[in-house]
Amino acid sequence: MSEETKLQTFQVQGQPPLDAAPALYSNFMAVSRVGTEVQFEFIFLDLNQIAKTLIELKTTPNESPTVQGKTVAKVVMPAASFVQIKEQLATMFEALEAILPKVPETENERRNSSAR
């Protein structure tokens, strides 16, 4: 794989919910599950910080560097409510995948951070 198409995995950390100030934009979303609750965490990542980390990785390789983001919002909902939108989400994903360019995936790129 050439250097331009190399995929890098980052560990993303948002702010504690009580410290996070409202923001207008989120460019990263984490989804997790504990028991019968599903949580969506919307995080803003500073692209300058990511660029700096990518430059540092050229001299000091790191399998999964950590990037600190600003938590925009956390939404927790009961799993019973979440499963009700399964068909709508599947339809939305199909439509988006049809119009977005194909991105190569690496093994284990899609991870499940949910506790089981």
PDB file of N, CA and C in Angstrom:
ATOM      1  N   MET A   1       0.850  -1.174   0.000  1.00  0.00           N
ATOM      2  CA  MET A   1       0.000   0.000   0.000  1.00  0.00           C
ATOM      3  C   MET A   1       0.895   1.236   0.000  1.00  0.00           C
ATOM      4  N   SER A   2       0.633   2.177  -0.866  1.00  0.00           N
ATOM      5  CA  SER A   2       1.463   3.374  -0.928  1.00  0.00           C
ATOM      6  C   SER A   2       1.217   4.247   0.298  1.00  0.00           C
ATOM      7  N   GLU A   3       2.139   5.190   0.532  1.00  0.00           N
ATOM      8  CA  GLU A   3       2.030   6.054   1.706  1.00  0.00           C
ATOM      9  C   GLU A   3       0.759   6.905   1.651  1.00  0.00           C
ATOM     10  N   GLU A   4       0.317   7.273   0.468  1.00  0.00           N
ATOM     11  CA  GLU A   4      -0.859   8.119   0.334  1.00  0.00           C
ATOM     12  C   GLU A   4      -2.147   7.382   0.681  1.00  0.00           C
ATOM     13  N   THR A   5      -2.179   6.062   0.537  1.00  0.00           N
ATOM     14  CA  THR A   5      -3.410   5.321   0.800  1.00  0.00           C
ATOM     15  C   THR A   5      -3.347   4.523   2.086  1.00  0.00           C
ATOM     16  N   LYS A   6      -2.310   4.710   2.892  1.00  0.00           N
ATOM     17  CA  LYS A   6      -2.184   3.993   4.151  1.00  0.00           C
ATOM     18  C   LYS A   6      -3.277   4.435   5.119  1.00  0.00           C
ATOM     19  N   LEU A   7      -3.914   3.470   5.763  1.00  0.00           N
ATOM     20  CA  LEU A   7      -4.949   3.776   6.739  1.00  0.00           C
ATOM     21  C   LEU A   7      -4.334   3.781   8.125  1.00  0.00           C
ATOM     22  N   GLN A   8      -4.721   4.747   8.950  1.00  0.00           N
ATOM     23  CA  GLN A   8      -4.206   4.860  10.317  1.00  0.00           C
ATOM     24  C   GLN A   8      -5.393   4.830  11.272  1.00  0.00           C
ATOM     25  N   THR A   9      -5.301   4.016  12.298  1.00  0.00           N
ATOM     26  CA  THR A   9      -6.342   3.943  13.317  1.00  0.00           C
ATOM     27  C   THR A   9      -5.952   4.826  14.485  1.00  0.00           C
ATOM     28  N   PHE A  10      -6.891   5.642  14.979  1.00  0.00           N
ATOM     29  CA  PHE A  10      -6.668   6.506  16.126  1.00  0.00           C
ATOM     30  C   PHE A  10      -7.575   6.086  17.270  1.00  0.00           C
ATOM     31  N   GLN A  11      -7.112   6.287  18.485  1.00  0.00           N
ATOM     32  CA  GLN A  11      -7.969   6.184  19.658  1.00  0.00           C
ATOM     33  C   GLN A  11      -8.505   7.593  19.893  1.00  0.00           C
ATOM     34  N   VAL A  12      -9.825   7.747  19.937  1.00  0.00           N
ATOM     35  CA  VAL A  12     -10.433   9.062  20.098  1.00  0.00           C
ATOM     36  C   VAL A  12     -11.056   9.162  21.478  1.00  0.00           C
ATOM     37  N   GLN A  13     -10.735  10.234  22.182  1.00  0.00           N
ATOM     38  CA  GLN A  13     -11.284  10.475  23.502  1.00  0.00           C
ATOM     39  C   GLN A  13     -12.026  11.792  23.505  1.00  0.00           C
ATOM     40  N   GLY A  14     -13.258  11.765  23.993  1.00  0.00           N
ATOM     41  CA  GLY A  14     -14.033  12.990  24.156  1.00  0.00           C
ATOM     42  C   GLY A  14     -13.839  13.521  25.564  1.00  0.00           C
ATOM     43  N   GLN A  15     -14.440  14.647  25.840  1.00  0.00           N
ATOM     44  CA  GLN A  15     -14.346  15.250  27.167  1.00  0.00           C
ATOM     45  C   GLN A  15     -15.363  14.600  28.103  1.00  0.00           C
ATOM     46  N   PRO A  16     -15.109  14.676  29.399  1.00  0.00           N
ATOM     47  CA  PRO A  16     -16.139  14.242  30.343  1.00  0.00           C
ATOM     48  C   PRO A  16     -17.407  15.052  30.094  1.00  0.00           C
ATOM     49  N   PRO A  17     -18.588  14.438  30.201  1.00  0.00           N
ATOM     50  CA  PRO A  17     -19.817  15.136  29.827  1.00  0.00           C
ATOM     51  C   PRO A  17     -20.077  16.434  30.587  1.00  0.00           C
ATOM     52  N   LEU A  18     -19.627  16.543  31.816  1.00  0.00           N
ATOM     53  CA  LEU A  18     -19.892  17.772  32.569  1.00  0.00           C
ATOM     54  C   LEU A  18     -18.940  18.900  32.188  1.00  0.00           C
ATOM     55  N   ASP A  19     -17.824  18.583  31.517  1.00  0.00           N
ATOM     56  CA  ASP A  19     -16.858  19.603  31.110  1.00  0.00           C
ATOM     57  C   ASP A  19     -17.071  20.086  29.682  1.00  0.00           C
ATOM     58  N   ALA A  20     -17.871  19.365  28.918  1.00  0.00           N
ATOM     59  CA  ALA A  20     -18.024  19.676  27.500  1.00  0.00           C
ATOM     60  C   ALA A  20     -18.988  20.842  27.300  1.00  0.00           C
ATOM     61  N   ALA A  21     -18.508  21.847  26.581  1.00  0.00           N
ATOM     62  CA  ALA A  21     -19.365  22.994  26.244  1.00  0.00           C
ATOM     63  C   ALA A  21     -20.063  22.712  24.922  1.00  0.00           C
ATOM     64  N   PRO A  22     -21.240  23.273  24.710  1.00  0.00           N
ATOM     65  CA  PRO A  22     -21.931  23.049  23.441  1.00  0.00           C
ATOM     66  C   PRO A  22     -21.095  23.554  22.266  1.00  0.00           C
ATOM     67  N   ALA A  23     -21.068  22.804  21.213  1.00  0.00           N
ATOM     68  CA  ALA A  23     -20.358  23.193  19.991  1.00  0.00           C
ATOM     69  C   ALA A  23     -21.328  23.106  18.823  1.00  0.00           C
ATOM     70  N   LEU A  24     -20.924  23.618  17.678  1.00  0.00           N
ATOM     71  CA  LEU A  24     -21.810  23.646  16.524  1.00  0.00           C
ATOM     72  C   LEU A  24     -21.572  22.503  15.552  1.00  0.00           C
ATOM     73  N   TYR A  25     -20.471  21.769  15.691  1.00  0.00           N
ATOM     74  CA  TYR A  25     -20.107  20.817  14.656  1.00  0.00           C
ATOM     75  C   TYR A  25     -19.440  19.599  15.272  1.00  0.00           C
ATOM     76  N   SER A  26     -19.730  18.430  14.728  1.00  0.00           N
ATOM     77  CA  SER A  26     -19.106  17.180  15.154  1.00  0.00           C
ATOM     78  C   SER A  26     -18.615  16.471  13.901  1.00  0.00           C
ATOM     79  N   ASN A  27     -17.389  15.932  13.924  1.00  0.00           N
ATOM     80  CA  ASN A  27     -16.882  15.204  12.767  1.00  0.00           C
ATOM     81  C   ASN A  27     -16.483  13.768  13.114  1.00  0.00           C
ATOM     82  N   PHE A  28     -16.911  13.297  14.278  1.00  0.00           N
ATOM     83  CA  PHE A  28     -16.643  11.924  14.694  1.00  0.00           C
ATOM     84  C   PHE A  28     -17.784  11.466  15.594  1.00  0.00           C
ATOM     85  N   MET A  29     -18.189  10.204  15.459  1.00  0.00           N
ATOM     86  CA  MET A  29     -19.239   9.681  16.327  1.00  0.00           C
ATOM     87  C   MET A  29     -18.841   8.305  16.831  1.00  0.00           C
ATOM     88  N   ALA A  30     -18.996   8.099  18.125  1.00  0.00           N
ATOM     89  CA  ALA A  30     -18.761   6.797  18.737  1.00  0.00           C
ATOM     90  C   ALA A  30     -20.097   6.236  19.190  1.00  0.00           C
ATOM     91  N   VAL A  31     -20.272   4.930  19.025  1.00  0.00           N
ATOM     92  CA  VAL A  31     -21.492   4.260  19.456  1.00  0.00           C
ATOM     93  C   VAL A  31     -21.086   3.149  20.403  1.00  0.00           C
ATOM     94  N   SER A  32     -21.775   3.065  21.542  1.00  0.00           N
ATOM     95  CA  SER A  32     -21.480   1.990  22.491  1.00  0.00           C
ATOM     96  C   SER A  32     -22.772   1.506  23.122  1.00  0.00           C
ATOM     97  N   ARG A  33     -22.675   0.331  23.739  1.00  0.00           N
ATOM     98  CA  ARG A  33     -23.839  -0.269  24.381  1.00  0.00           C
ATOM     99  C   ARG A  33     -23.412  -0.885  25.691  1.00  0.00           C
ATOM    100  N   VAL A  34     -24.217  -0.670  26.713  1.00  0.00           N
ATOM    101  CA  VAL A  34     -24.038  -1.338  27.996  1.00  0.00           C
ATOM    102  C   VAL A  34     -25.414  -1.854  28.398  1.00  0.00           C
ATOM    103  N   GLY A  35     -25.525  -3.158  28.527  1.00  0.00           N
ATOM    104  CA  GLY A  35     -26.813  -3.745  28.891  1.00  0.00           C
ATOM    105  C   GLY A  35     -27.878  -3.384  27.887  1.00  0.00           C
ATOM    106  N   THR A  36     -28.916  -2.708  28.332  1.00  0.00           N
ATOM    107  CA  THR A  36     -30.023  -2.348  27.445  1.00  0.00           C
ATOM    108  C   THR A  36     -30.040  -0.861  27.097  1.00  0.00           C
ATOM    109  N   GLU A  37     -28.878  -0.207  27.195  1.00  0.00           N
ATOM    110  CA  GLU A  37     -28.760   1.210  26.842  1.00  0.00           C
ATOM    111  C   GLU A  37     -27.769   1.371  25.689  1.00  0.00           C
ATOM    112  N   VAL A  38     -28.086   2.245  24.754  1.00  0.00           N
ATOM    113  CA  VAL A  38     -27.214   2.557  23.626  1.00  0.00           C
ATOM    114  C   VAL A  38     -26.824   4.022  23.746  1.00  0.00           C
ATOM    115  N   GLN A  39     -25.531   4.304  23.546  1.00  0.00           N
ATOM    116  CA  GLN A  39     -25.045   5.687  23.658  1.00  0.00           C
ATOM    117  C   GLN A  39     -24.366   6.120  22.366  1.00  0.00           C
ATOM    118  N   PHE A  40     -24.705   7.320  21.912  1.00  0.00           N
ATOM    119  CA  PHE A  40     -24.032   7.971  20.794  1.00  0.00           C
ATOM    120  C   PHE A  40     -23.260   9.138  21.378  1.00  0.00           C
ATOM    121  N   GLU A  41     -21.963   9.227  21.054  1.00  0.00           N
ATOM    122  CA  GLU A  41     -21.155  10.358  21.505  1.00  0.00           C
ATOM    123  C   GLU A  41     -20.627  11.071  20.272  1.00  0.00           C
ATOM    124  N   PHE A  42     -20.969  12.335  20.139  1.00  0.00           N
ATOM    125  CA  PHE A  42     -20.544  13.147  19.006  1.00  0.00           C
ATOM    126  C   PHE A  42     -19.353  13.987  19.458  1.00  0.00           C
ATOM    127  N   ILE A  43     -18.243  13.876  18.712  1.00  0.00           N
ATOM    128  CA  ILE A  43     -16.980  14.502  19.106  1.00  0.00           C
ATOM    129  C   ILE A  43     -16.444  15.346  17.956  1.00  0.00           C
ATOM    130  N   PHE A  44     -15.943  16.532  18.297  1.00  0.00           N
ATOM    131  CA  PHE A  44     -15.253  17.368  17.318  1.00  0.00           C
ATOM    132  C   PHE A  44     -13.760  17.110  17.443  1.00  0.00           C
ATOM    133  N   LEU A  45     -13.127  16.725  16.336  1.00  0.00           N
ATOM    134  CA  LEU A  45     -11.672  16.507  16.295  1.00  0.00           C
ATOM    135  C   LEU A  45     -11.026  17.653  15.541  1.00  0.00           C
ATOM    136  N   ASP A  46      -9.997  18.226  16.134  1.00  0.00           N
ATOM    137  CA  ASP A  46      -9.242  19.307  15.500  1.00  0.00           C
ATOM    138  C   ASP A  46      -8.363  18.698  14.412  1.00  0.00           C
ATOM    139  N   LEU A  47      -8.597  19.075  13.174  1.00  0.00           N
ATOM    140  CA  LEU A  47      -7.841  18.502  12.058  1.00  0.00           C
ATOM    141  C   LEU A  47      -6.359  18.850  12.130  1.00  0.00           C
ATOM    142  N   ASN A  48      -6.013  20.001  12.732  1.00  0.00           N
ATOM    143  CA  ASN A  48      -4.603  20.342  12.903  1.00  0.00           C
ATOM    144  C   ASN A  48      -3.914  19.347  13.831  1.00  0.00           C
ATOM    145  N   GLN A  49      -4.618  18.937  14.891  1.00  0.00           N
ATOM    146  CA  GLN A  49      -4.057  17.953  15.812  1.00  0.00           C
ATOM    147  C   GLN A  49      -3.841  16.606  15.109  1.00  0.00           C
ATOM    148  N   ILE A  50      -4.780  16.212  14.275  1.00  0.00           N
ATOM    149  CA  ILE A  50      -4.641  14.958  13.540  1.00  0.00           C
ATOM    150  C   ILE A  50      -3.480  15.050  12.557  1.00  0.00           C
ATOM    151  N   ALA A  51      -3.354  16.179  11.854  1.00  0.00           N
ATOM    152  CA  ALA A  51      -2.254  16.366  10.911  1.00  0.00           C
ATOM    153  C   ALA A  51      -0.908  16.306  11.631  1.00  0.00           C
ATOM    154  N   LYS A  52      -0.809  16.963  12.790  1.00  0.00           N
ATOM    155  CA  LYS A  52       0.432  16.939  13.565  1.00  0.00           C
ATOM    156  C   LYS A  52       0.772  15.506  13.996  1.00  0.00           C
ATOM    157  N   THR A  53      -0.234  14.760  14.421  1.00  0.00           N
ATOM    158  CA  THR A  53      -0.015  13.375  14.834  1.00  0.00           C
ATOM    159  C   THR A  53       0.455  12.528  13.657  1.00  0.00           C
ATOM    160  N   LEU A  54      -0.125  12.740  12.481  1.00  0.00           N
ATOM    161  CA  LEU A  54       0.294  11.979  11.302  1.00  0.00           C
ATOM    162  C   LEU A  54       1.753  12.271  10.943  1.00  0.00           C
ATOM    163  N   ILE A  55       2.173  13.527  11.086  1.00  0.00           N
ATOM    164  CA  ILE A  55       3.576  13.881  10.826  1.00  0.00           C
ATOM    165  C   ILE A  55       4.489  13.189  11.840  1.00  0.00           C
ATOM    166  N   GLU A  56       4.088  13.206  13.118  1.00  0.00           N
ATOM    167  CA  GLU A  56       4.886  12.546  14.165  1.00  0.00           C
ATOM    168  C   GLU A  56       4.977  11.043  13.944  1.00  0.00           C
ATOM    169  N   LEU A  57       3.942  10.439  13.368  1.00  0.00           N
ATOM    170  CA  LEU A  57       3.942   8.990  13.130  1.00  0.00           C
ATOM    171  C   LEU A  57       4.994   8.563  12.109  1.00  0.00           C
ATOM    172  N   LYS A  58       5.409   9.502  11.261  1.00  0.00           N
ATOM    173  CA  LYS A  58       6.433   9.177  10.270  1.00  0.00           C
ATOM    174  C   LYS A  58       7.775   8.886  10.937  1.00  0.00           C
ATOM    175  N   THR A  59       8.039   9.544  12.074  1.00  0.00           N
ATOM    176  CA  THR A  59       9.312   9.329  12.766  1.00  0.00           C
ATOM    177  C   THR A  59       9.174   8.385  13.957  1.00  0.00           C
ATOM    178  N   THR A  60       7.990   8.340  14.563  1.00  0.00           N
ATOM    179  CA  THR A  60       7.759   7.473  15.716  1.00  0.00           C
ATOM    180  C   THR A  60       6.473   6.682  15.480  1.00  0.00           C
ATOM    181  N   PRO A  61       6.571   5.522  14.843  1.00  0.00           N
ATOM    182  CA  PRO A  61       5.361   4.740  14.555  1.00  0.00           C
ATOM    183  C   PRO A  61       4.621   4.356  15.841  1.00  0.00           C
ATOM    184  N   ASN A  62       3.304   4.399  15.756  1.00  0.00           N
ATOM    185  CA  ASN A  62       2.434   4.029  16.871  1.00  0.00           C
ATOM    186  C   ASN A  62       1.221   3.331  16.268  1.00  0.00           C
ATOM    187  N   GLU A  63       0.911   2.149  16.734  1.00  0.00           N
ATOM    188  CA  GLU A  63      -0.183   1.364  16.168  1.00  0.00           C
ATOM    189  C   GLU A  63      -1.518   2.103  16.230  1.00  0.00           C
ATOM    190  N   SER A  64      -1.790   2.764  17.338  1.00  0.00           N
ATOM    191  CA  SER A  64      -3.080   3.427  17.507  1.00  0.00           C
ATOM    192  C   SER A  64      -2.936   4.647  18.423  1.00  0.00           C
ATOM    193  N   PRO A  65      -2.479   5.779  17.881  1.00  0.00           N
ATOM    194  CA  PRO A  65      -2.295   6.978  18.711  1.00  0.00           C
ATOM    195  C   PRO A  65      -3.618   7.508  19.238  1.00  0.00           C
ATOM    196  N   THR A  66      -3.561   8.206  20.345  1.00  0.00           N
ATOM    197  CA  THR A  66      -4.755   8.786  20.966  1.00  0.00           C
ATOM    198  C   THR A  66      -4.889  10.247  20.558  1.00  0.00           C
ATOM    199  N   VAL A  67      -6.092  10.636  20.175  1.00  0.00           N
ATOM    200  CA  VAL A  67      -6.392  12.008  19.802  1.00  0.00           C
ATOM    201  C   VAL A  67      -7.508  12.494  20.718  1.00  0.00           C
ATOM    202  N   GLN A  68      -7.278  13.612  21.390  1.00  0.00           N
ATOM    203  CA  GLN A  68      -8.275  14.180  22.298  1.00  0.00           C
ATOM    204  C   GLN A  68      -9.216  15.076  21.516  1.00  0.00           C
ATOM    205  N   GLY A  69     -10.512  14.812  21.606  1.00  0.00           N
ATOM    206  CA  GLY A  69     -11.508  15.625  20.922  1.00  0.00           C
ATOM    207  C   GLY A  69     -12.384  16.363  21.915  1.00  0.00           C
ATOM    208  N   LYS A  70     -13.250  17.204  21.405  1.00  0.00           N
ATOM    209  CA  LYS A  70     -14.191  17.955  22.240  1.00  0.00           C
ATOM    210  C   LYS A  70     -15.573  17.315  22.081  1.00  0.00           C
ATOM    211  N   THR A  71     -16.114  16.800  23.174  1.00  0.00           N
ATOM    212  CA  THR A  71     -17.429  16.178  23.126  1.00  0.00           C
ATOM    213  C   THR A  71     -18.486  17.251  22.853  1.00  0.00           C
ATOM    214  N   VAL A  72     -19.275  17.029  21.811  1.00  0.00           N
ATOM    215  CA  VAL A  72     -20.329  17.951  21.429  1.00  0.00           C
ATOM    216  C   VAL A  72     -21.634  17.560  22.120  1.00  0.00           C
ATOM    217  N   ALA A  73     -21.941  16.265  22.098  1.00  0.00           N
ATOM    218  CA  ALA A  73     -23.178  15.795  22.723  1.00  0.00           C
ATOM    219  C   ALA A  73     -23.085  14.297  22.961  1.00  0.00           C
ATOM    220  N   LYS A  74     -23.811  13.852  23.979  1.00  0.00           N
ATOM    221  CA  LYS A  74     -23.983  12.418  24.227  1.00  0.00           C
ATOM    222  C   LYS A  74     -25.480  12.164  24.272  1.00  0.00           C
ATOM    223  N   VAL A  75     -25.888  11.124  23.568  1.00  0.00           N
ATOM    224  CA  VAL A  75     -27.295  10.748  23.552  1.00  0.00           C
ATOM    225  C   VAL A  75     -27.378   9.297  24.002  1.00  0.00           C
ATOM    226  N   VAL A  76     -28.158   9.059  25.055  1.00  0.00           N
ATOM    227  CA  VAL A  76     -28.358   7.704  25.555  1.00  0.00           C
ATOM    228  C   VAL A  76     -29.826   7.359  25.351  1.00  0.00           C
ATOM    229  N   MET A  77     -30.052   6.167  24.794  1.00  0.00           N
ATOM    230  CA  MET A  77     -31.438   5.753  24.581  1.00  0.00           C
ATOM    231  C   MET A  77     -31.611   4.281  24.897  1.00  0.00           C
ATOM    232  N   PRO A  78     -32.806   3.882  25.304  1.00  0.00           N
ATOM    233  CA  PRO A  78     -33.050   2.474  25.588  1.00  0.00           C
ATOM    234  C   PRO A  78     -32.907   1.639  24.313  1.00  0.00           C
ATOM    235  N   ALA A  79     -32.356   0.443  24.453  1.00  0.00           N
ATOM    236  CA  ALA A  79     -32.168  -0.437  23.299  1.00  0.00           C
ATOM    237  C   ALA A  79     -33.496  -0.729  22.611  1.00  0.00           C
ATOM    238  N   ALA A  80     -34.578  -0.826  23.370  1.00  0.00           N
ATOM    239  CA  ALA A  80     -35.893  -1.095  22.777  1.00  0.00           C
ATOM    240  C   ALA A  80     -36.286   0.007  21.786  1.00  0.00           C
ATOM    241  N   SER A  81     -35.921   1.246  22.079  1.00  0.00           N
ATOM    242  CA  SER A  81     -36.199   2.353  21.151  1.00  0.00           C
ATOM    243  C   SER A  81     -35.235   2.323  19.975  1.00  0.00           C
ATOM    244  N   PHE A  82     -33.983   1.987  20.243  1.00  0.00           N
ATOM    245  CA  PHE A  82     -32.957   1.978  19.195  1.00  0.00           C
ATOM    246  C   PHE A  82     -33.281   0.944  18.111  1.00  0.00           C
ATOM    247  N   VAL A  83     -33.714  -0.248  18.492  1.00  0.00           N
ATOM    248  CA  VAL A  83     -33.977  -1.285  17.489  1.00  0.00           C
ATOM    249  C   VAL A  83     -35.166  -0.931  16.598  1.00  0.00           C
ATOM    250  N   GLN A  84     -36.001  -0.001  17.032  1.00  0.00           N
ATOM    251  CA  GLN A  84     -37.143   0.403  16.210  1.00  0.00           C
ATOM    252  C   GLN A  84     -36.722   1.164  14.957  1.00  0.00           C
ATOM    253  N   ILE A  85     -35.518   1.712  14.953  1.00  0.00           N
ATOM    254  CA  ILE A  85     -35.063   2.474  13.776  1.00  0.00           C
ATOM    255  C   ILE A  85     -34.140   1.658  12.878  1.00  0.00           C
ATOM    256  N   LYS A  86     -34.076   0.345  13.106  1.00  0.00           N
ATOM    257  CA  LYS A  86     -33.181  -0.521  12.329  1.00  0.00           C
ATOM    258  C   LYS A  86     -33.435  -0.412  10.825  1.00  0.00           C
ATOM    259  N   GLU A  87     -34.686  -0.519  10.401  1.00  0.00           N
ATOM    260  CA  GLU A  87     -34.992  -0.475   8.969  1.00  0.00           C
ATOM    261  C   GLU A  87     -34.661   0.881   8.357  1.00  0.00           C
ATOM    262  N   GLN A  88     -34.968   1.957   9.081  1.00  0.00           N
ATOM    263  CA  GLN A  88     -34.672   3.293   8.567  1.00  0.00           C
ATOM    264  C   GLN A  88     -33.161   3.483   8.424  1.00  0.00           C
ATOM    265  N   LEU A  89     -32.382   3.026   9.412  1.00  0.00           N
ATOM    266  CA  LEU A  89     -30.919   3.146   9.331  1.00  0.00           C
ATOM    267  C   LEU A  89     -30.364   2.307   8.182  1.00  0.00           C
ATOM    268  N   ALA A  90     -30.877   1.094   8.005  1.00  0.00           N
ATOM    269  CA  ALA A  90     -30.403   0.233   6.910  1.00  0.00           C
ATOM    270  C   ALA A  90     -30.665   0.897   5.565  1.00  0.00           C
ATOM    271  N   THR A  91     -31.842   1.487   5.397  1.00  0.00           N
ATOM    272  CA  THR A  91     -32.176   2.194   4.158  1.00  0.00           C
ATOM    273  C   THR A  91     -31.255   3.379   3.948  1.00  0.00           C
ATOM    274  N   MET A  92     -30.971   4.118   5.033  1.00  0.00           N
ATOM    275  CA  MET A  92     -30.094   5.278   4.943  1.00  0.00           C
ATOM    276  C   MET A  92     -28.668   4.859   4.576  1.00  0.00           C
ATOM    277  N   PHE A  93     -28.164   3.783   5.204  1.00  0.00           N
ATOM    278  CA  PHE A  93     -26.819   3.303   4.890  1.00  0.00           C
ATOM    279  C   PHE A  93     -26.718   2.860   3.432  1.00  0.00           C
ATOM    280  N   GLU A  94     -27.716   2.145   2.937  1.00  0.00           N
ATOM    281  CA  GLU A  94     -27.701   1.708   1.539  1.00  0.00           C
ATOM    282  C   GLU A  94     -27.638   2.911   0.593  1.00  0.00           C
ATOM    283  N   ALA A  95     -28.447   3.932   0.875  1.00  0.00           N
ATOM    284  CA  ALA A  95     -28.469   5.120   0.016  1.00  0.00           C
ATOM    285  C   ALA A  95     -27.137   5.856   0.060  1.00  0.00           C
ATOM    286  N   LEU A  96     -26.558   5.994   1.258  1.00  0.00           N
ATOM    287  CA  LEU A  96     -25.271   6.688   1.390  1.00  0.00           C
ATOM    288  C   LEU A  96     -24.143   5.906   0.732  1.00  0.00           C
ATOM    289  N   GLU A  97     -24.127   4.600   0.912  1.00  0.00           N
ATOM    290  CA  GLU A  97     -23.072   3.779   0.293  1.00  0.00           C
ATOM    291  C   GLU A  97     -23.138   3.838  -1.225  1.00  0.00           C
ATOM    292  N   ALA A  98     -24.322   4.029  -1.763  1.00  0.00           N
ATOM    293  CA  ALA A  98     -24.473   4.108  -3.211  1.00  0.00           C
ATOM    294  C   ALA A  98     -23.896   5.397  -3.783  1.00  0.00           C
ATOM    295  N   ILE A  99     -23.891   6.483  -2.986  1.00  0.00           N
ATOM    296  CA  ILE A  99     -23.413   7.759  -3.523  1.00  0.00           C
ATOM    297  C   ILE A  99     -22.005   8.127  -3.062  1.00  0.00           C
ATOM    298  N   LEU A 100     -21.505   7.480  -2.017  1.00  0.00           N
ATOM    299  CA  LEU A 100     -20.164   7.803  -1.528  1.00  0.00           C
ATOM    300  C   LEU A 100     -19.117   6.958  -2.241  1.00  0.00           C
ATOM    301  N   PRO A 101     -17.912   7.510  -2.421  1.00  0.00           N
ATOM    302  CA  PRO A 101     -16.850   6.720  -3.049  1.00  0.00           C
ATOM    303  C   PRO A 101     -16.461   5.554  -2.148  1.00  0.00           C
ATOM    304  N   LYS A 102     -16.054   4.472  -2.789  1.00  0.00           N
ATOM    305  CA  LYS A 102     -15.642   3.286  -2.041  1.00  0.00           C
ATOM    306  C   LYS A 102     -14.294   3.537  -1.381  1.00  0.00           C
ATOM    307  N   VAL A 103     -14.179   3.224  -0.093  1.00  0.00           N
ATOM    308  CA  VAL A 103     -12.946   3.383   0.663  1.00  0.00           C
ATOM    309  C   VAL A 103     -12.464   1.999   1.051  1.00  0.00           C
ATOM    310  N   PRO A 104     -11.204   1.672   0.779  1.00  0.00           N
ATOM    311  CA  PRO A 104     -10.718   0.335   1.146  1.00  0.00           C
ATOM    312  C   PRO A 104     -10.713   0.174   2.662  1.00  0.00           C
ATOM    313  N   GLU A 105     -11.122  -1.001   3.115  1.00  0.00           N
ATOM    314  CA  GLU A 105     -11.134  -1.294   4.545  1.00  0.00           C
ATOM    315  C   GLU A 105     -10.009  -2.254   4.861  1.00  0.00           C
ATOM    316  N   THR A 106      -9.509  -2.153   6.077  1.00  0.00           N
ATOM    317  CA  THR A 106      -8.515  -3.100   6.531  1.00  0.00           C
ATOM    318  C   THR A 106      -9.165  -4.027   7.539  1.00  0.00           C
ATOM    319  N   GLU A 107      -8.538  -5.153   7.756  1.00  0.00           N
ATOM    320  CA  GLU A 107      -9.069  -6.116   8.709  1.00  0.00           C
ATOM    321  C   GLU A 107      -9.197  -5.459  10.077  1.00  0.00           C
ATOM    322  N   ASN A 108     -10.306  -5.687  10.737  1.00  0.00           N
ATOM    323  CA  ASN A 108     -10.603  -5.167  12.072  1.00  0.00           C
ATOM    324  C   ASN A 108     -10.817  -3.658  12.100  1.00  0.00           C
ATOM    325  N   GLU A 109     -11.005  -3.026  10.967  1.00  0.00           N
ATOM    326  CA  GLU A 109     -11.193  -1.572  10.996  1.00  0.00           C
ATOM    327  C   GLU A 109     -12.517  -1.207  11.654  1.00  0.00           C
ATOM    328  N   ARG A 110     -13.549  -1.959  11.351  1.00  0.00           N
ATOM    329  CA  ARG A 110     -14.835  -1.700  11.997  1.00  0.00           C
ATOM    330  C   ARG A 110     -14.824  -2.449  13.316  1.00  0.00           C
ATOM    331  N   ARG A 111     -14.812  -1.694  14.380  1.00  0.00           N
ATOM    332  CA  ARG A 111     -14.720  -2.288  15.705  1.00  0.00           C
ATOM    333  C   ARG A 111     -15.991  -2.040  16.467  1.00  0.00           C
ATOM    334  N   ASN A 112     -16.282  -2.955  17.354  1.00  0.00           N
ATOM    335  CA  ASN A 112     -17.449  -2.811  18.213  1.00  0.00           C
ATOM    336  C   ASN A 112     -16.948  -2.480  19.598  1.00  0.00           C
ATOM    337  N   SER A 113     -17.186  -1.259  20.046  1.00  0.00           N
ATOM    338  CA  SER A 113     -16.729  -0.851  21.363  1.00  0.00           C
ATOM    339  C   SER A 113     -17.759  -1.166  22.430  1.00  0.00           C
ATOM    340  N   SER A 114     -18.827  -1.826  22.037  1.00  0.00           N
ATOM    341  CA  SER A 114     -19.900  -2.115  22.974  1.00  0.00           C
ATOM    342  C   SER A 114     -19.485  -3.173  23.978  1.00  0.00           C
ATOM    343  N   ALA A 115     -19.902  -2.965  25.211  1.00  0.00           N
ATOM    344  CA  ALA A 115     -19.736  -4.000  26.226  1.00  0.00           C
ATOM    345  C   ALA A 115     -20.856  -5.008  26.030  1.00  0.00           C
ATOM    346  N   ARG A 116     -20.554  -6.254  26.171  1.00  0.00           N
ATOM    347  CA  ARG A 116     -21.586  -7.273  25.990  1.00  0.00           C
ATOM    348  C   ARG A 116     -21.890  -7.960  27.271  1.00  0.00           C
TER     349      ARG A 116
END
